[in-house]
Amino acid sequence: MAKTIGKNTPPAKKDDAPAPKKKGTNPFQFFQQVRQEGRKVTWTTRQETLVSTIMVIIMAGLASLFFFVVDSGISFAITFILRLGA
């Protein structure tokens, strides 16, 4: 027995009505709220920022060295294979 779409579906509930629009804040209140949230942030110290920056530079250097070695190895292998056929 095949079901037909649209039949036997319950009617829409009244609770599905769109939510009322929220009242916007004026620019003064907005910037005041932004400042309050900014005060709640735990900012990093100069030492933490320095250590994190150094770690990022080291990891970027290691990644670039890794990809250089892999690229050189693949290039060497392809060149070797192509010279075999010549």
Protein backbone atom coordinates (compact mmCIF):
# COMPACT_ATOMS: atom_id res chain seq x y z
CA MET A 1 0.00 0.00 0.00
CA ALA A 2 1.60 3.24 -1.14
CA LYS A 3 1.45 6.35 0.97
CA THR A 4 0.63 9.64 -0.62
CA ILE A 5 2.49 12.70 0.41
CA GLY A 6 0.38 15.36 2.04
CA LYS A 7 -2.38 13.13 3.34
CA ASN A 8 -2.61 12.23 7.00
CA THR A 9 -0.20 14.98 8.00
CA PRO A 10 -1.14 16.80 11.18
CA PRO A 11 -2.11 20.46 10.85
CA ALA A 12 0.54 23.03 11.73
CA LYS A 13 0.66 23.92 15.40
CA LYS A 14 0.07 27.45 16.56
CA ASP A 15 3.43 27.23 18.40
CA ASP A 16 5.23 27.20 15.04
CA ALA A 17 4.56 30.91 14.58
CA PRO A 18 7.67 33.04 14.01
CA ALA A 19 9.26 34.49 17.12
CA PRO A 20 8.66 38.18 17.74
CA LYS A 21 11.45 40.48 16.59
CA LYS A 22 13.93 41.48 19.26
CA LYS A 23 14.40 45.15 19.95
CA GLY A 24 17.77 46.37 18.69
CA THR A 25 20.26 48.20 20.84
CA ASN A 26 21.56 51.64 20.09
CA PRO A 27 25.26 52.11 19.22
CA PHE A 28 26.16 53.42 22.69
CA GLN A 29 24.76 50.29 24.38
CA PHE A 30 26.42 48.06 21.80
CA PHE A 31 29.90 49.50 22.41
CA GLN A 32 29.32 49.37 26.16
CA GLN A 33 28.50 45.66 25.88
CA VAL A 34 31.56 45.08 23.71
CA ARG A 35 33.79 46.71 26.32
CA GLN A 36 32.24 44.58 29.06
CA GLU A 37 32.89 41.40 27.09
CA GLY A 38 36.44 42.55 26.33
CA ARG A 39 37.13 42.85 30.05
CA LYS A 40 36.10 39.21 30.53
CA VAL A 41 38.71 37.94 28.06
CA THR A 42 41.84 36.33 29.49
CA TRP A 43 44.60 37.94 27.47
CA THR A 44 47.94 36.20 26.94
CA THR A 45 51.07 37.54 28.52
CA ARG A 46 53.99 38.85 26.48
CA GLN A 47 55.99 35.72 27.37
CA GLU A 48 53.18 33.36 26.20
CA THR A 49 52.88 35.27 22.94
CA LEU A 50 56.63 35.15 22.35
CA VAL A 51 56.85 31.40 23.03
CA SER A 52 53.85 30.68 20.78
CA THR A 53 55.33 32.80 17.98
CA ILE A 54 58.68 31.01 18.20
CA MET A 55 56.94 27.62 18.13
CA VAL A 56 54.95 28.59 15.03
CA ILE A 57 58.12 29.72 13.25
CA ILE A 58 59.91 26.47 14.17
CA MET A 59 56.99 24.31 13.03
CA ALA A 60 56.69 26.25 9.75
CA GLY A 61 60.42 25.73 9.16
CA LEU A 62 60.15 21.99 9.86
CA ALA A 63 57.13 21.66 7.57
CA SER A 64 58.90 23.52 4.76
CA LEU A 65 62.00 21.32 5.19
CA PHE A 66 59.84 18.18 5.12
CA PHE A 67 58.03 19.21 1.94
CA PHE A 68 61.31 20.25 0.30
CA VAL A 69 62.79 16.80 0.97
CA VAL A 70 59.67 14.99 -0.25
CA ASP A 71 59.45 17.17 -3.38
CA SER A 72 63.13 16.64 -4.15
CA GLY A 73 62.78 12.88 -3.69
CA ILE A 74 59.75 12.66 -5.99
CA SER A 75 61.50 14.86 -8.57
CA PHE A 76 64.59 12.64 -8.46
CA ALA A 77 62.49 9.47 -8.79
CA ILE A 78 60.52 10.77 -11.78
CA THR A 79 63.68 12.01 -13.51
CA PHE A 80 65.33 8.62 -12.94
CA ILE A 81 62.34 6.72 -14.33
CA LEU A 82 62.10 8.96 -17.39
CA ARG A 83 65.83 8.55 -18.14
CA LEU A 84 65.45 4.77 -18.12
CA GLY A 85 63.20 4.94 -21.15
CA ALA A 86 65.46 7.22 -23.15
